[in-house]
Amino acid sequence: MPPVLGVILAGGLSRRMGGGDKPLKVLAGRTLLDRVAERFAPQCEAGVILNANGDPARFSMFSGLIVPDGVPDHPGPLAGILAALDHAAEHHPSATHLASVTGDAPFLPLDLVARLSEGSKNAPIVVASSEGRQHFTVALWAVSLREDLLTVLVERGERRVGAFLARHGALAVEWSSEPVDPFLNVNTPEDLAEAEALLKVA
C-alpha cells in the first residue's frame, strides 16, 4: 500500500473538558497530543499533520504541519477530515489514503494503520471498533472521497460522521478492550484521572 498520511484531529471545542485544547491537557507529565503522536506517527510513512483551528502557535511543540478547517463555523470532525484529505491530495499525491485519530486518545494501538489498511481493499473507509462500538473518527479514508465529502458537508449541510460512513459502506475492524480500551477518549477531568490510573496497566 502507498504511504499513508496521518491526521490528528484537534479542532473540537472541548466543552466537556471545560473549554481549551483537550490535546494539550497533561497526563502524567506529558500532553495528550504528545502521547498520541508518539504512538501514531511511526505508523504513517507520509507523515502526520494536526487539524486545529485558531492560533497555531499554541501547538508549537508539534513537529508537523498545522492544517485548519477549510469550512467555517466549526461544523465538526468531517471538516477536519476534509481539510486533511485536501492537504493529502495537494501535498502528498502518492498517498491514496488518510488515517485519522483524535488528539485525546493516549492508548492508541500500535497496529492501527496496518490493520485498517488490510480492510481498505474492500471499502473506501475502514473504521476502528472496540466492544462492538465504532469509533467514527479513528479511521482510514480513501483520498478519492474528498469531492463527495465536500458535497455532503457544504452543499447538503450533513455533519454526522456516522451518516457519511454509512453512505460509503464503511468496514469496521475490532480491537480488544483488555487490559485497556485502546480508543479511550479523555473527554472530562474524570476521564483524565482514569487514564492516569490505566497507565499502570496499559
C-alpha atoms as a PDB file:
ATOM      1  CA  MET A   1       0.000   0.000   0.000  1.00  0.00           C
ATOM      2  CA  PRO A   2       1.294   3.532  -0.766  1.00  0.00           C
ATOM      3  CA  PRO A   3       2.444   5.627   2.203  1.00  0.00           C
ATOM      4  CA  VAL A   4      -0.407   6.724   4.461  1.00  0.00           C
ATOM      5  CA  LEU A   5      -0.739  10.321   5.662  1.00  0.00           C
ATOM      6  CA  GLY A   6      -1.963  10.702   9.235  1.00  0.00           C
ATOM      7  CA  VAL A   7      -4.055  13.450  10.804  1.00  0.00           C
ATOM      8  CA  ILE A   8      -4.638  14.103  14.482  1.00  0.00           C
ATOM      9  CA  LEU A   9      -7.990  15.833  14.910  1.00  0.00           C
ATOM     10  CA  ALA A  10      -7.830  18.679  17.426  1.00  0.00           C
ATOM     11  CA  GLY A  11     -10.403  21.081  16.024  1.00  0.00           C
ATOM     12  CA  GLY A  12     -13.135  20.480  18.629  1.00  0.00           C
ATOM     13  CA  LEU A  13     -14.357  22.937  21.237  1.00  0.00           C
ATOM     14  CA  SER A  14     -13.762  20.635  24.264  1.00  0.00           C
ATOM     15  CA  ARG A  15     -16.914  21.709  26.076  1.00  0.00           C
ATOM     16  CA  ARG A  16     -16.955  18.686  28.418  1.00  0.00           C
ATOM     17  CA  MET A  17     -13.382  19.410  29.454  1.00  0.00           C
ATOM     18  CA  GLY A  18     -14.322  22.983  30.305  1.00  0.00           C
ATOM     19  CA  GLY A  19     -13.006  24.532  27.099  1.00  0.00           C
ATOM     20  CA  GLY A  20      -9.467  24.965  25.839  1.00  0.00           C
ATOM     21  CA  ASP A  21      -7.484  22.431  23.844  1.00  0.00           C
ATOM     22  CA  LYS A  22      -8.007  18.866  25.048  1.00  0.00           C
ATOM     23  CA  PRO A  23      -4.851  17.575  23.358  1.00  0.00           C
ATOM     24  CA  LEU A  24      -2.806  19.988  25.489  1.00  0.00           C
ATOM     25  CA  LYS A  25      -4.125  18.575  28.753  1.00  0.00           C
ATOM     26  CA  VAL A  26      -1.356  16.905  30.743  1.00  0.00           C
ATOM     27  CA  LEU A  27      -1.458  13.193  31.540  1.00  0.00           C
ATOM     28  CA  ALA A  28       1.284  12.068  33.922  1.00  0.00           C
ATOM     29  CA  GLY A  29       3.637  14.855  32.917  1.00  0.00           C
ATOM     30  CA  ARG A  30       3.064  14.745  29.146  1.00  0.00           C
ATOM     31  CA  THR A  31       0.383  16.256  26.946  1.00  0.00           C
ATOM     32  CA  LEU A  32      -2.228  14.025  25.384  1.00  0.00           C
ATOM     33  CA  LEU A  33      -1.052  15.265  21.987  1.00  0.00           C
ATOM     34  CA  ASP A  34       2.494  14.120  22.707  1.00  0.00           C
ATOM     35  CA  ARG A  35       1.249  10.679  23.739  1.00  0.00           C
ATOM     36  CA  VAL A  36      -0.998  10.339  20.686  1.00  0.00           C
ATOM     37  CA  ALA A  37       1.729  11.454  18.281  1.00  0.00           C
ATOM     38  CA  GLU A  38       4.274   9.079  19.815  1.00  0.00           C
ATOM     39  CA  ARG A  39       2.034   6.079  19.131  1.00  0.00           C
ATOM     40  CA  PHE A  40       0.568   7.235  15.813  1.00  0.00           C
ATOM     41  CA  ALA A  41       3.379   8.950  13.888  1.00  0.00           C
ATOM     42  CA  PRO A  42       5.587   5.872  13.361  1.00  0.00           C
ATOM     43  CA  GLN A  43       2.638   4.188  11.610  1.00  0.00           C
ATOM     44  CA  CYS A  44       2.257   6.920   8.964  1.00  0.00           C
ATOM     45  CA  GLU A  45       5.020   6.829   6.361  1.00  0.00           C
ATOM     46  CA  ALA A  46       3.844  10.053   4.689  1.00  0.00           C
ATOM     47  CA  GLY A  47       3.949  11.943   7.992  1.00  0.00           C
ATOM     48  CA  VAL A  48       1.359  13.329  10.384  1.00  0.00           C
ATOM     49  CA  ILE A  49      -0.447  16.665  10.329  1.00  0.00           C
ATOM     50  CA  LEU A  50      -2.565  18.281  13.037  1.00  0.00           C
ATOM     51  CA  ASN A  51      -6.039  19.603  12.273  1.00  0.00           C
ATOM     52  CA  ALA A  52      -6.582  22.578  14.572  1.00  0.00           C
ATOM     53  CA  ASN A  53      -8.242  25.977  14.301  1.00  0.00           C
ATOM     54  CA  GLY A  54      -7.227  29.338  15.728  1.00  0.00           C
ATOM     55  CA  ASP A  55      -3.690  30.431  16.586  1.00  0.00           C
ATOM     56  CA  PRO A  56      -1.339  27.594  15.591  1.00  0.00           C
ATOM     57  CA  ALA A  57       1.356  28.903  17.948  1.00  0.00           C
ATOM     58  CA  ARG A  58      -0.244  27.096  20.876  1.00  0.00           C
ATOM     59  CA  PHE A  59       0.767  23.820  19.236  1.00  0.00           C
ATOM     60  CA  SER A  60       4.377  24.889  18.754  1.00  0.00           C
ATOM     61  CA  MET A  61       5.582  21.646  20.337  1.00  0.00           C
ATOM     62  CA  PHE A  62       4.043  19.642  17.488  1.00  0.00           C
ATOM     63  CA  SER A  63       6.668  18.910  14.841  1.00  0.00           C
ATOM     64  CA  GLY A  64       4.278  18.540  11.896  1.00  0.00           C
ATOM     65  CA  LEU A  65       2.144  20.973   9.939  1.00  0.00           C
ATOM     66  CA  ILE A  66      -0.987  22.565  11.408  1.00  0.00           C
ATOM     67  CA  VAL A  67      -3.899  22.379   8.945  1.00  0.00           C
ATOM     68  CA  PRO A  68      -7.085  24.293   9.876  1.00  0.00           C
ATOM     69  CA  ASP A  69     -10.604  23.577   8.686  1.00  0.00           C
ATOM     70  CA  GLY A  70     -11.382  24.934   5.248  1.00  0.00           C
ATOM     71  CA  VAL A  71     -15.077  25.166   6.138  1.00  0.00           C
ATOM     72  CA  PRO A  72     -16.225  27.953   8.521  1.00  0.00           C
ATOM     73  CA  ASP A  73     -18.237  27.795  11.760  1.00  0.00           C
ATOM     74  CA  HIS A  74     -16.744  24.597  13.224  1.00  0.00           C
ATOM     75  CA  PRO A  75     -19.059  22.093  11.503  1.00  0.00           C
ATOM     76  CA  GLY A  76     -17.389  19.179  13.298  1.00  0.00           C
ATOM     77  CA  PRO A  77     -14.951  16.335  12.610  1.00  0.00           C
ATOM     78  CA  LEU A  78     -15.905  15.946   8.949  1.00  0.00           C
ATOM     79  CA  ALA A  79     -14.466  19.410   8.307  1.00  0.00           C
ATOM     80  CA  GLY A  80     -11.154  18.267   9.749  1.00  0.00           C
ATOM     81  CA  ILE A  81     -11.223  15.129   7.629  1.00  0.00           C
ATOM     82  CA  LEU A  82     -11.966  17.187   4.524  1.00  0.00           C
ATOM     83  CA  ALA A  83      -9.110  19.592   5.274  1.00  0.00           C
ATOM     84  CA  ALA A  84      -6.732  16.664   5.699  1.00  0.00           C
ATOM     85  CA  LEU A  85      -7.921  14.931   2.510  1.00  0.00           C
ATOM     86  CA  ASP A  86      -7.420  18.172   0.577  1.00  0.00           C
ATOM     87  CA  HIS A  87      -3.948  18.539   2.085  1.00  0.00           C
ATOM     88  CA  ALA A  88      -3.109  14.960   1.120  1.00  0.00           C
ATOM     89  CA  ALA A  89      -4.257  15.465  -2.456  1.00  0.00           C
ATOM     90  CA  GLU A  90      -2.235  18.667  -2.835  1.00  0.00           C
ATOM     91  CA  HIS A  91       0.960  17.833  -0.952  1.00  0.00           C
ATOM     92  CA  HIS A  92       1.154  14.025  -0.940  1.00  0.00           C
ATOM     93  CA  PRO A  93      -0.048  12.893  -4.379  1.00  0.00           C
ATOM     94  CA  SER A  94       1.326   9.380  -3.849  1.00  0.00           C
ATOM     95  CA  ALA A  95      -0.803   8.884  -0.727  1.00  0.00           C
ATOM     96  CA  THR A  96      -4.063   7.155  -1.609  1.00  0.00           C
ATOM     97  CA  HIS A  97      -5.316   7.000   1.987  1.00  0.00           C
ATOM     98  CA  LEU A  98      -5.516   9.161   5.091  1.00  0.00           C
ATOM     99  CA  ALA A  99      -5.564   7.779   8.633  1.00  0.00           C
ATOM    100  CA  SER A 100      -7.353   9.880  11.260  1.00  0.00           C
ATOM    101  CA  VAL A 101      -7.235   9.752  15.044  1.00  0.00           C
ATOM    102  CA  THR A 102      -8.391  12.071  17.811  1.00  0.00           C
ATOM    103  CA  GLY A 103      -5.995  14.098  19.904  1.00  0.00           C
ATOM    104  CA  ASP A 104      -7.423  12.785  23.172  1.00  0.00           C
ATOM    105  CA  ALA A 105      -6.796   9.018  22.839  1.00  0.00           C
ATOM    106  CA  PRO A 106      -3.495   8.250  24.622  1.00  0.00           C
ATOM    107  CA  PHE A 107      -3.678   4.442  24.294  1.00  0.00           C
ATOM    108  CA  LEU A 108      -3.960   4.086  20.503  1.00  0.00           C
ATOM    109  CA  PRO A 109      -2.947   0.625  19.211  1.00  0.00           C
ATOM    110  CA  LEU A 110       0.451   0.386  17.593  1.00  0.00           C
ATOM    111  CA  ASP A 111      -1.003  -1.727  14.779  1.00  0.00           C
ATOM    112  CA  LEU A 112      -3.817   0.722  13.991  1.00  0.00           C
ATOM    113  CA  VAL A 113      -2.848   1.763  10.473  1.00  0.00           C
ATOM    114  CA  ALA A 114      -1.662  -1.713   9.477  1.00  0.00           C
ATOM    115  CA  ARG A 115      -4.931  -3.388  10.448  1.00  0.00           C
ATOM    116  CA  LEU A 116      -7.115  -0.666   8.963  1.00  0.00           C
ATOM    117  CA  SER A 117      -5.113  -0.882   5.740  1.00  0.00           C
ATOM    118  CA  GLU A 118      -5.895  -4.590   5.449  1.00  0.00           C
ATOM    119  CA  GLY A 119      -9.559  -3.702   5.052  1.00  0.00           C
ATOM    120  CA  SER A 120      -9.027  -0.901   2.556  1.00  0.00           C
ATOM    121  CA  LYS A 121      -9.239  -3.311  -0.367  1.00  0.00           C
ATOM    122  CA  ASN A 122     -12.916  -3.895   0.456  1.00  0.00           C
ATOM    123  CA  ALA A 123     -14.189  -0.434   1.429  1.00  0.00           C
ATOM    124  CA  PRO A 124     -13.212   3.227   0.920  1.00  0.00           C
ATOM    125  CA  ILE A 125     -13.479   3.827   4.684  1.00  0.00           C
ATOM    126  CA  VAL A 126     -12.295   1.442   7.389  1.00  0.00           C
ATOM    127  CA  VAL A 127     -13.166   2.378  10.962  1.00  0.00           C
ATOM    128  CA  ALA A 128     -11.801   1.145  14.292  1.00  0.00           C
ATOM    129  CA  SER A 129     -14.097  -0.579  16.770  1.00  0.00           C
ATOM    130  CA  SER A 130     -13.895  -1.926  20.326  1.00  0.00           C
ATOM    131  CA  GLU A 131     -16.546  -3.687  22.403  1.00  0.00           C
ATOM    132  CA  GLY A 132     -18.757  -3.558  19.317  1.00  0.00           C
ATOM    133  CA  ARG A 133     -18.715   0.253  19.206  1.00  0.00           C
ATOM    134  CA  GLN A 134     -17.316   2.032  16.187  1.00  0.00           C
ATOM    135  CA  HIS A 135     -15.002   4.993  16.754  1.00  0.00           C
ATOM    136  CA  PHE A 136     -16.013   7.089  13.770  1.00  0.00           C
ATOM    137  CA  THR A 137     -13.041   9.459  13.724  1.00  0.00           C
ATOM    138  CA  VAL A 138     -10.421   6.725  14.127  1.00  0.00           C
ATOM    139  CA  ALA A 139     -10.453   5.509  10.565  1.00  0.00           C
ATOM    140  CA  LEU A 140      -8.731   5.106   7.225  1.00  0.00           C
ATOM    141  CA  TRP A 141     -10.189   7.202   4.401  1.00  0.00           C
ATOM    142  CA  ALA A 142      -9.572   6.977   0.647  1.00  0.00           C
ATOM    143  CA  VAL A 143      -8.352  10.362  -0.581  1.00  0.00           C
ATOM    144  CA  SER A 144     -10.735   9.976  -3.529  1.00  0.00           C
ATOM    145  CA  LEU A 145     -13.638  10.640  -1.120  1.00  0.00           C
ATOM    146  CA  ARG A 146     -12.820  14.345  -0.855  1.00  0.00           C
ATOM    147  CA  GLU A 147     -15.156  15.589  -3.589  1.00  0.00           C
ATOM    148  CA  ASP A 148     -18.131  13.672  -2.220  1.00  0.00           C
ATOM    149  CA  LEU A 149     -17.331  14.799   1.322  1.00  0.00           C
ATOM    150  CA  LEU A 150     -17.255  18.419   0.161  1.00  0.00           C
ATOM    151  CA  THR A 151     -20.665  17.961  -1.451  1.00  0.00           C
ATOM    152  CA  VAL A 152     -22.149  16.281   1.622  1.00  0.00           C
ATOM    153  CA  LEU A 153     -20.684  18.720   4.137  1.00  0.00           C
ATOM    154  CA  VAL A 154     -21.025  22.038   2.328  1.00  0.00           C
ATOM    155  CA  GLU A 155     -23.845  21.666  -0.169  1.00  0.00           C
ATOM    156  CA  ARG A 156     -26.068  19.343   1.870  1.00  0.00           C
ATOM    157  CA  GLY A 157     -25.055  20.522   5.333  1.00  0.00           C
ATOM    158  CA  GLU A 158     -24.666  16.942   6.631  1.00  0.00           C
ATOM    159  CA  ARG A 159     -22.360  16.976   9.647  1.00  0.00           C
ATOM    160  CA  ARG A 160     -22.847  13.469  11.048  1.00  0.00           C
ATOM    161  CA  VAL A 161     -19.757  11.325  10.647  1.00  0.00           C
ATOM    162  CA  GLY A 162     -21.793   8.129  11.035  1.00  0.00           C
ATOM    163  CA  ALA A 163     -24.056   9.083   8.150  1.00  0.00           C
ATOM    164  CA  PHE A 164     -21.069   9.610   5.856  1.00  0.00           C
ATOM    165  CA  LEU A 165     -19.587   6.275   6.894  1.00  0.00           C
ATOM    166  CA  ALA A 166     -22.887   4.543   6.150  1.00  0.00           C
ATOM    167  CA  ARG A 167     -23.109   6.313   2.782  1.00  0.00           C
ATOM    168  CA  HIS A 168     -19.846   4.643   1.744  1.00  0.00           C
ATOM    169  CA  GLY A 169     -20.353   1.256   3.371  1.00  0.00           C
ATOM    170  CA  ALA A 170     -17.560   1.638   5.921  1.00  0.00           C
ATOM    171  CA  LEU A 171     -15.939  -1.552   7.161  1.00  0.00           C
ATOM    172  CA  ALA A 172     -15.258  -1.963  10.915  1.00  0.00           C
ATOM    173  CA  VAL A 173     -12.162  -3.626  12.383  1.00  0.00           C
ATOM    174  CA  GLU A 174     -12.423  -4.795  16.005  1.00  0.00           C
ATOM    175  CA  TRP A 175      -9.806  -4.413  18.756  1.00  0.00           C
ATOM    176  CA  SER A 176      -9.833  -5.957  22.207  1.00  0.00           C
ATOM    177  CA  SER A 177     -10.562  -3.619  25.122  1.00  0.00           C
ATOM    178  CA  GLU A 178      -8.387  -5.641  27.521  1.00  0.00           C
ATOM    179  CA  PRO A 179      -6.480  -4.665  29.558  1.00  0.00           C
ATOM    180  CA  VAL A 180      -7.296  -1.119  28.352  1.00  0.00           C
ATOM    181  CA  ASP A 181      -9.609   0.094  25.613  1.00  0.00           C
ATOM    182  CA  PRO A 182      -7.113   1.471  23.060  1.00  0.00           C
ATOM    183  CA  PHE A 183      -9.658   4.073  21.947  1.00  0.00           C
ATOM    184  CA  LEU A 184     -10.416   5.525  25.367  1.00  0.00           C
ATOM    185  CA  ASN A 185     -11.175   9.227  24.891  1.00  0.00           C
ATOM    186  CA  VAL A 186     -10.252  11.736  27.563  1.00  0.00           C
ATOM    187  CA  ASN A 187     -13.317  13.984  27.443  1.00  0.00           C
ATOM    188  CA  THR A 188     -13.668  15.089  31.064  1.00  0.00           C
ATOM    189  CA  PRO A 189     -11.430  15.706  34.097  1.00  0.00           C
ATOM    190  CA  GLU A 190     -12.690  12.370  35.422  1.00  0.00           C
ATOM    191  CA  ASP A 191     -11.527  10.637  32.245  1.00  0.00           C
ATOM    192  CA  LEU A 192      -8.103  12.202  32.714  1.00  0.00           C
ATOM    193  CA  ALA A 193      -7.859  10.761  36.209  1.00  0.00           C
ATOM    194  CA  GLU A 194      -8.967   7.345  34.928  1.00  0.00           C
ATOM    195  CA  ALA A 195      -6.386   7.433  32.151  1.00  0.00           C
ATOM    196  CA  GLU A 196      -3.628   8.172  34.642  1.00  0.00           C
ATOM    197  CA  ALA A 197      -4.625   5.112  36.662  1.00  0.00           C
ATOM    198  CA  LEU A 198      -4.731   2.983  33.497  1.00  0.00           C
ATOM    199  CA  LEU A 199      -1.188   3.943  32.519  1.00  0.00           C
ATOM    200  CA  LYS A 200      -0.022   1.397  35.085  1.00  0.00           C
ATOM    201  CA  VAL A 201      -1.655  -1.496  33.211  1.00  0.00           C
ATOM    202  CA  ALA A 202      -1.608  -0.297  29.593  1.00  0.00           C
END
